[in-house]
Amino acid sequence: MFNLINTSSSSITITGFSQGGTYTTTSVEMEVWMYPGDYLPQINDTINWIMVGAATVDLVSGVASGHIPVSGVTIPAGATYGFRVGSTGSSIAYTNGTGTAGVTTWQSNSDLIITEGHGGGYPFYNQNTPRNWN
């Protein structure tokens, strides 16, 4: 789980996510859930999250792989949206963080900030913090 923060002056459309990490695994069932706001107050919620993508993918160690297409994800300028990206049954990798989940920047460019977040088991992926999505 992590936040995406649109730091640009226009809306950003997200079309998919790929998973990186340390495992090579085939036929991994993945889901992407979105919350239109900071994920932290909704971390254990089962009602307000929206599933925006799902796919069975192959993950390859050391590279971004296993593309999960998503639809209906447009983040307005200046907005923060929360995401849960994870497997429904297989182990996937994430990186241990050092900052504050949902707040500290993990990666960024001139348009977008990805925050450190939470990791763990399906369905909430929230047992371990801070964790960084690969």
N, C-alpha and C. Protein backbone atom coordinates (compact mmCIF):
# COMPACT_ATOMS: atom_id res chain seq x y z
N MET A 1 0.85 -1.16 0.00
CA MET A 1 0.00 0.00 0.00
C MET A 1 0.89 1.22 0.00
N PHE A 2 0.47 2.25 -0.74
CA PHE A 2 1.26 3.47 -0.85
C PHE A 2 0.37 4.56 -1.42
N ASN A 3 0.83 5.79 -1.33
CA ASN A 3 0.14 6.92 -1.94
C ASN A 3 0.87 7.35 -3.20
N LEU A 4 0.09 7.77 -4.20
CA LEU A 4 0.62 8.49 -5.36
C LEU A 4 0.13 9.92 -5.23
N ILE A 5 1.05 10.87 -5.31
CA ILE A 5 0.72 12.29 -5.17
C ILE A 5 1.04 12.97 -6.49
N ASN A 6 0.02 13.57 -7.10
CA ASN A 6 0.20 14.28 -8.35
C ASN A 6 0.75 15.67 -8.04
N THR A 7 2.00 15.91 -8.36
CA THR A 7 2.64 17.20 -8.12
C THR A 7 2.66 18.08 -9.37
N SER A 8 2.03 17.62 -10.44
CA SER A 8 2.02 18.38 -11.69
C SER A 8 0.85 19.38 -11.69
N SER A 9 0.77 20.14 -12.75
CA SER A 9 -0.30 21.14 -12.88
C SER A 9 -1.50 20.61 -13.66
N SER A 10 -1.50 19.33 -14.01
CA SER A 10 -2.63 18.75 -14.73
C SER A 10 -2.88 17.33 -14.24
N SER A 11 -4.00 16.77 -14.64
CA SER A 11 -4.36 15.42 -14.24
C SER A 11 -3.38 14.40 -14.83
N ILE A 12 -3.19 13.31 -14.11
CA ILE A 12 -2.34 12.21 -14.58
C ILE A 12 -3.20 10.95 -14.63
N THR A 13 -3.16 10.25 -15.76
CA THR A 13 -3.88 9.00 -15.91
C THR A 13 -2.90 7.84 -15.72
N ILE A 14 -3.24 6.95 -14.81
CA ILE A 14 -2.43 5.75 -14.56
C ILE A 14 -3.06 4.61 -15.37
N THR A 15 -2.24 3.94 -16.18
CA THR A 15 -2.77 2.88 -17.04
C THR A 15 -2.35 1.49 -16.61
N GLY A 16 -1.44 1.38 -15.64
CA GLY A 16 -1.05 0.07 -15.17
C GLY A 16 0.10 0.11 -14.20
N PHE A 17 0.36 -1.03 -13.57
CA PHE A 17 1.46 -1.19 -12.64
C PHE A 17 2.23 -2.45 -13.02
N SER A 18 3.55 -2.42 -12.82
CA SER A 18 4.39 -3.59 -12.96
C SER A 18 5.09 -3.81 -11.64
N GLN A 19 5.37 -5.06 -11.33
CA GLN A 19 5.99 -5.42 -10.05
C GLN A 19 7.46 -5.74 -10.26
N GLY A 20 8.32 -5.17 -9.45
CA GLY A 20 9.73 -5.52 -9.46
C GLY A 20 10.06 -6.30 -8.20
N GLY A 21 11.27 -6.77 -8.09
CA GLY A 21 11.64 -7.45 -6.86
C GLY A 21 12.62 -8.57 -7.04
N THR A 22 12.60 -9.51 -6.10
CA THR A 22 13.63 -10.53 -6.03
C THR A 22 13.17 -11.92 -6.45
N TYR A 23 11.90 -12.13 -6.68
CA TYR A 23 11.38 -13.45 -7.01
C TYR A 23 11.05 -13.59 -8.49
N THR A 24 11.30 -14.77 -9.06
CA THR A 24 10.79 -15.13 -10.37
C THR A 24 9.69 -16.15 -10.11
N THR A 25 8.45 -15.78 -10.44
CA THR A 25 7.28 -16.60 -10.14
C THR A 25 6.31 -16.50 -11.31
N THR A 26 5.75 -17.63 -11.71
CA THR A 26 4.79 -17.64 -12.81
C THR A 26 3.36 -17.72 -12.28
N SER A 27 2.45 -17.24 -13.07
CA SER A 27 1.00 -17.32 -12.80
C SER A 27 0.62 -16.73 -11.44
N VAL A 28 1.06 -15.51 -11.21
CA VAL A 28 0.76 -14.81 -9.96
C VAL A 28 -0.52 -13.99 -10.15
N GLU A 29 -1.51 -14.26 -9.31
CA GLU A 29 -2.76 -13.49 -9.37
C GLU A 29 -2.57 -12.19 -8.60
N MET A 30 -2.70 -11.07 -9.33
CA MET A 30 -2.47 -9.75 -8.75
C MET A 30 -3.74 -8.92 -8.83
N GLU A 31 -3.88 -8.01 -7.87
CA GLU A 31 -5.00 -7.05 -7.85
C GLU A 31 -4.46 -5.66 -7.57
N VAL A 32 -5.16 -4.66 -8.12
CA VAL A 32 -4.86 -3.25 -7.83
C VAL A 32 -6.14 -2.61 -7.34
N TRP A 33 -6.07 -2.03 -6.15
CA TRP A 33 -7.19 -1.31 -5.54
C TRP A 33 -6.79 0.14 -5.36
N MET A 34 -7.74 1.06 -5.51
CA MET A 34 -7.49 2.49 -5.42
C MET A 34 -8.44 3.11 -4.41
N TYR A 35 -7.94 4.10 -3.69
CA TYR A 35 -8.77 4.93 -2.83
C TYR A 35 -8.50 6.38 -3.22
N PRO A 36 -9.53 7.18 -3.53
CA PRO A 36 -9.30 8.57 -3.95
C PRO A 36 -9.03 9.49 -2.75
N GLY A 37 -7.85 9.37 -2.20
CA GLY A 37 -7.40 10.14 -1.05
C GLY A 37 -6.24 9.42 -0.40
N ASP A 38 -5.76 9.94 0.71
CA ASP A 38 -4.69 9.31 1.48
C ASP A 38 -5.16 7.96 1.98
N TYR A 39 -4.38 6.90 1.75
CA TYR A 39 -4.82 5.56 2.13
C TYR A 39 -4.82 5.32 3.64
N LEU A 40 -4.02 6.08 4.39
CA LEU A 40 -3.85 5.77 5.81
C LEU A 40 -5.16 5.72 6.61
N PRO A 41 -6.08 6.68 6.48
CA PRO A 41 -7.33 6.57 7.25
C PRO A 41 -8.22 5.42 6.78
N GLN A 42 -7.94 4.86 5.61
CA GLN A 42 -8.76 3.79 5.02
C GLN A 42 -8.05 2.44 5.02
N ILE A 43 -6.98 2.31 5.80
CA ILE A 43 -6.10 1.16 5.70
C ILE A 43 -6.81 -0.18 5.91
N ASN A 44 -7.79 -0.24 6.79
CA ASN A 44 -8.51 -1.49 7.06
C ASN A 44 -9.93 -1.48 6.53
N ASP A 45 -10.25 -0.51 5.70
CA ASP A 45 -11.60 -0.38 5.16
C ASP A 45 -11.87 -1.43 4.09
N THR A 46 -13.08 -1.95 4.06
CA THR A 46 -13.46 -2.92 3.02
C THR A 46 -14.51 -2.36 2.07
N ILE A 47 -14.94 -1.13 2.27
CA ILE A 47 -16.04 -0.58 1.48
C ILE A 47 -15.59 0.49 0.47
N ASN A 48 -14.71 1.38 0.86
CA ASN A 48 -14.41 2.56 0.05
C ASN A 48 -13.33 2.38 -1.01
N TRP A 49 -12.65 1.25 -0.99
CA TRP A 49 -11.63 0.99 -2.02
C TRP A 49 -12.31 0.51 -3.30
N ILE A 50 -11.71 0.84 -4.43
CA ILE A 50 -12.24 0.45 -5.74
C ILE A 50 -11.22 -0.42 -6.45
N MET A 51 -11.64 -1.63 -6.87
CA MET A 51 -10.71 -2.46 -7.65
C MET A 51 -10.64 -1.87 -9.05
N VAL A 52 -9.41 -1.55 -9.48
CA VAL A 52 -9.22 -0.92 -10.79
C VAL A 52 -8.45 -1.81 -11.76
N GLY A 53 -7.98 -2.96 -11.27
CA GLY A 53 -7.27 -3.87 -12.17
C GLY A 53 -6.98 -5.19 -11.50
N ALA A 54 -6.88 -6.22 -12.32
CA ALA A 54 -6.51 -7.56 -11.87
C ALA A 54 -5.94 -8.31 -13.06
N ALA A 55 -4.95 -9.15 -12.80
CA ALA A 55 -4.35 -9.93 -13.88
C ALA A 55 -3.56 -11.08 -13.27
N THR A 56 -3.39 -12.13 -14.04
CA THR A 56 -2.48 -13.21 -13.70
C THR A 56 -1.21 -12.96 -14.50
N VAL A 57 -0.09 -12.78 -13.79
CA VAL A 57 1.14 -12.33 -14.44
C VAL A 57 2.30 -13.23 -14.09
N ASP A 58 3.36 -13.12 -14.87
CA ASP A 58 4.63 -13.76 -14.56
C ASP A 58 5.59 -12.68 -14.08
N LEU A 59 6.22 -12.91 -12.92
CA LEU A 59 7.17 -11.96 -12.35
C LEU A 59 8.58 -12.47 -12.58
N VAL A 60 9.48 -11.58 -12.98
CA VAL A 60 10.86 -11.92 -13.28
C VAL A 60 11.76 -11.16 -12.32
N SER A 61 12.64 -11.87 -11.64
CA SER A 61 13.55 -11.27 -10.67
C SER A 61 14.38 -10.16 -11.29
N GLY A 62 14.46 -9.03 -10.58
CA GLY A 62 15.36 -7.96 -10.97
C GLY A 62 14.85 -6.98 -12.01
N VAL A 63 13.66 -7.20 -12.54
CA VAL A 63 13.13 -6.27 -13.54
C VAL A 63 11.66 -5.97 -13.26
N ALA A 64 11.19 -4.83 -13.75
CA ALA A 64 9.76 -4.53 -13.67
C ALA A 64 9.05 -5.46 -14.64
N SER A 65 8.16 -6.27 -14.12
CA SER A 65 7.49 -7.27 -14.95
C SER A 65 6.07 -7.45 -14.44
N GLY A 66 5.32 -8.31 -15.08
CA GLY A 66 3.98 -8.61 -14.62
C GLY A 66 3.03 -7.43 -14.70
N HIS A 67 2.97 -6.78 -15.84
CA HIS A 67 2.12 -5.59 -16.01
C HIS A 67 0.65 -5.90 -15.71
N ILE A 68 0.07 -5.10 -14.84
CA ILE A 68 -1.35 -5.21 -14.49
C ILE A 68 -2.04 -3.96 -15.05
N PRO A 69 -2.83 -4.10 -16.10
CA PRO A 69 -3.54 -2.94 -16.63
C PRO A 69 -4.59 -2.46 -15.63
N VAL A 70 -4.76 -1.15 -15.54
CA VAL A 70 -5.82 -0.58 -14.71
C VAL A 70 -6.65 0.37 -15.55
N SER A 71 -7.88 0.61 -15.11
CA SER A 71 -8.74 1.55 -15.81
C SER A 71 -9.45 2.43 -14.79
N GLY A 72 -9.81 3.63 -15.24
CA GLY A 72 -10.55 4.55 -14.39
C GLY A 72 -9.71 5.25 -13.34
N VAL A 73 -8.40 5.36 -13.58
CA VAL A 73 -7.52 6.00 -12.60
C VAL A 73 -6.95 7.29 -13.18
N THR A 74 -7.56 8.39 -12.83
CA THR A 74 -7.06 9.71 -13.21
C THR A 74 -6.93 10.52 -11.92
N ILE A 75 -5.71 10.91 -11.61
CA ILE A 75 -5.42 11.66 -10.39
C ILE A 75 -5.37 13.14 -10.73
N PRO A 76 -6.29 13.94 -10.17
CA PRO A 76 -6.29 15.38 -10.44
C PRO A 76 -5.00 16.05 -9.96
N ALA A 77 -4.67 17.19 -10.54
CA ALA A 77 -3.51 17.97 -10.13
C ALA A 77 -3.58 18.24 -8.63
N GLY A 78 -2.47 17.97 -7.94
CA GLY A 78 -2.39 18.23 -6.51
C GLY A 78 -3.02 17.18 -5.61
N ALA A 79 -3.67 16.18 -6.17
CA ALA A 79 -4.38 15.17 -5.37
C ALA A 79 -3.48 14.02 -4.95
N THR A 80 -3.91 13.36 -3.88
CA THR A 80 -3.27 12.15 -3.36
C THR A 80 -4.25 11.00 -3.48
N TYR A 81 -3.81 9.88 -4.07
CA TYR A 81 -4.61 8.67 -4.16
C TYR A 81 -3.83 7.52 -3.55
N GLY A 82 -4.54 6.67 -2.81
CA GLY A 82 -3.93 5.50 -2.21
C GLY A 82 -4.09 4.28 -3.11
N PHE A 83 -3.11 3.37 -3.06
CA PHE A 83 -3.15 2.15 -3.86
C PHE A 83 -2.74 0.94 -3.04
N ARG A 84 -3.41 -0.17 -3.30
CA ARG A 84 -3.02 -1.49 -2.80
C ARG A 84 -2.71 -2.32 -4.04
N VAL A 85 -1.46 -2.71 -4.19
CA VAL A 85 -1.03 -3.54 -5.31
C VAL A 85 -0.43 -4.80 -4.71
N GLY A 86 -1.04 -5.94 -4.99
CA GLY A 86 -0.50 -7.14 -4.39
C GLY A 86 -1.07 -8.41 -4.95
N SER A 87 -0.49 -9.49 -4.51
CA SER A 87 -0.92 -10.82 -4.93
C SER A 87 -1.99 -11.33 -3.99
N THR A 88 -2.90 -12.12 -4.54
CA THR A 88 -3.94 -12.72 -3.71
C THR A 88 -3.47 -14.02 -3.08
N GLY A 89 -2.26 -14.51 -3.43
CA GLY A 89 -1.83 -15.77 -2.85
C GLY A 89 -0.35 -16.05 -2.88
N SER A 90 0.41 -15.41 -3.76
CA SER A 90 1.84 -15.68 -3.88
C SER A 90 2.65 -14.64 -3.13
N SER A 91 3.87 -14.98 -2.81
CA SER A 91 4.78 -14.02 -2.19
C SER A 91 5.41 -13.17 -3.29
N ILE A 92 5.39 -11.87 -3.07
CA ILE A 92 6.08 -10.94 -3.96
C ILE A 92 6.98 -10.08 -3.09
N ALA A 93 7.90 -9.39 -3.69
CA ALA A 93 8.90 -8.66 -2.92
C ALA A 93 8.53 -7.19 -2.74
N TYR A 94 8.96 -6.66 -1.62
CA TYR A 94 8.96 -5.23 -1.40
C TYR A 94 10.23 -4.91 -0.64
N THR A 95 10.56 -3.65 -0.52
CA THR A 95 11.79 -3.21 0.11
C THR A 95 11.45 -2.60 1.46
N ASN A 96 12.25 -2.89 2.48
CA ASN A 96 12.04 -2.26 3.78
C ASN A 96 12.28 -0.77 3.67
N GLY A 97 11.43 0.01 4.31
CA GLY A 97 11.55 1.46 4.29
C GLY A 97 12.25 2.00 5.53
N THR A 98 12.49 3.29 5.52
CA THR A 98 13.13 3.95 6.66
C THR A 98 12.36 5.17 7.13
N GLY A 99 11.30 5.54 6.41
CA GLY A 99 10.58 6.77 6.72
C GLY A 99 9.21 6.50 7.31
N THR A 100 8.28 7.41 7.02
CA THR A 100 6.92 7.34 7.53
C THR A 100 5.99 6.87 6.42
N ALA A 101 5.28 5.77 6.67
CA ALA A 101 4.36 5.21 5.67
C ALA A 101 3.32 6.23 5.26
N GLY A 102 3.11 6.34 3.94
CA GLY A 102 2.12 7.26 3.40
C GLY A 102 2.57 8.69 3.29
N VAL A 103 3.77 8.99 3.81
CA VAL A 103 4.26 10.37 3.84
C VAL A 103 5.62 10.52 3.16
N THR A 104 6.61 9.73 3.60
CA THR A 104 7.97 9.86 3.10
C THR A 104 8.04 9.44 1.63
N THR A 105 8.74 10.23 0.85
CA THR A 105 8.91 9.94 -0.58
C THR A 105 9.81 8.72 -0.76
N TRP A 106 9.32 7.75 -1.57
CA TRP A 106 10.12 6.59 -1.95
C TRP A 106 10.75 6.84 -3.31
N GLN A 107 9.96 7.32 -4.27
CA GLN A 107 10.43 7.68 -5.60
C GLN A 107 9.64 8.89 -6.07
N SER A 108 10.23 9.66 -6.97
CA SER A 108 9.51 10.82 -7.50
C SER A 108 10.14 11.27 -8.81
N ASN A 109 9.36 12.06 -9.54
CA ASN A 109 9.86 12.80 -10.69
C ASN A 109 9.15 14.15 -10.68
N SER A 110 9.17 14.88 -11.76
CA SER A 110 8.57 16.21 -11.76
C SER A 110 7.05 16.19 -11.74
N ASP A 111 6.43 15.02 -11.92
CA ASP A 111 4.97 14.92 -11.98
C ASP A 111 4.35 14.17 -10.82
N LEU A 112 5.10 13.30 -10.15
CA LEU A 112 4.48 12.33 -9.27
C LEU A 112 5.42 11.95 -8.12
N ILE A 113 4.82 11.75 -6.93
CA ILE A 113 5.54 11.20 -5.79
C ILE A 113 4.91 9.85 -5.43
N ILE A 114 5.74 8.84 -5.22
CA ILE A 114 5.31 7.55 -4.67
C ILE A 114 5.84 7.52 -3.24
N THR A 115 4.94 7.32 -2.27
CA THR A 115 5.36 7.32 -0.88
C THR A 115 5.77 5.93 -0.41
N GLU A 116 6.50 5.89 0.69
CA GLU A 116 6.70 4.64 1.39
C GLU A 116 5.33 4.21 1.90
N GLY A 117 5.17 2.94 2.25
CA GLY A 117 3.86 2.49 2.64
C GLY A 117 3.86 1.30 3.57
N HIS A 118 2.94 0.39 3.32
CA HIS A 118 2.74 -0.82 4.10
C HIS A 118 2.88 -2.04 3.20
N GLY A 119 3.26 -3.17 3.76
CA GLY A 119 3.33 -4.43 3.03
C GLY A 119 2.83 -5.55 3.91
N GLY A 120 2.52 -6.66 3.31
CA GLY A 120 2.05 -7.81 4.07
C GLY A 120 1.14 -8.68 3.24
N GLY A 121 0.32 -9.46 3.91
CA GLY A 121 -0.54 -10.43 3.24
C GLY A 121 -1.87 -9.87 2.78
N TYR A 122 -2.43 -10.58 1.83
CA TYR A 122 -3.74 -10.27 1.26
C TYR A 122 -4.79 -10.34 2.37
N PRO A 123 -5.83 -9.50 2.41
CA PRO A 123 -6.23 -8.55 1.38
C PRO A 123 -5.79 -7.12 1.63
N PHE A 124 -5.28 -6.82 2.83
CA PHE A 124 -4.99 -5.42 3.13
C PHE A 124 -3.53 -5.03 2.97
N TYR A 125 -2.62 -6.00 2.98
CA TYR A 125 -1.19 -5.74 2.79
C TYR A 125 -0.68 -4.70 3.79
N ASN A 126 -1.14 -4.76 5.04
CA ASN A 126 -0.83 -3.67 5.96
C ASN A 126 -0.08 -4.08 7.22
N GLN A 127 0.40 -5.29 7.32
CA GLN A 127 1.00 -5.77 8.56
C GLN A 127 2.39 -5.18 8.84
N ASN A 128 3.12 -4.82 7.81
CA ASN A 128 4.51 -4.38 7.97
C ASN A 128 4.68 -2.94 7.46
N THR A 129 5.40 -2.15 8.24
CA THR A 129 5.61 -0.76 7.85
C THR A 129 6.91 -0.24 8.45
N PRO A 130 7.64 0.65 7.80
CA PRO A 130 7.39 1.10 6.44
C PRO A 130 7.94 0.10 5.43
N ARG A 131 7.20 -0.05 4.36
CA ARG A 131 7.60 -0.90 3.24
C ARG A 131 7.48 -0.09 1.96
N ASN A 132 8.29 -0.47 0.97
CA ASN A 132 8.30 0.24 -0.30
C ASN A 132 7.95 -0.70 -1.43
N TRP A 133 6.98 -0.31 -2.21
CA TRP A 133 6.55 -1.09 -3.36
C TRP A 133 7.63 -1.05 -4.41
N ASN A 134 7.97 -2.20 -4.96
CA ASN A 134 9.01 -2.28 -6.01
C ASN A 134 8.35 -2.23 -7.38
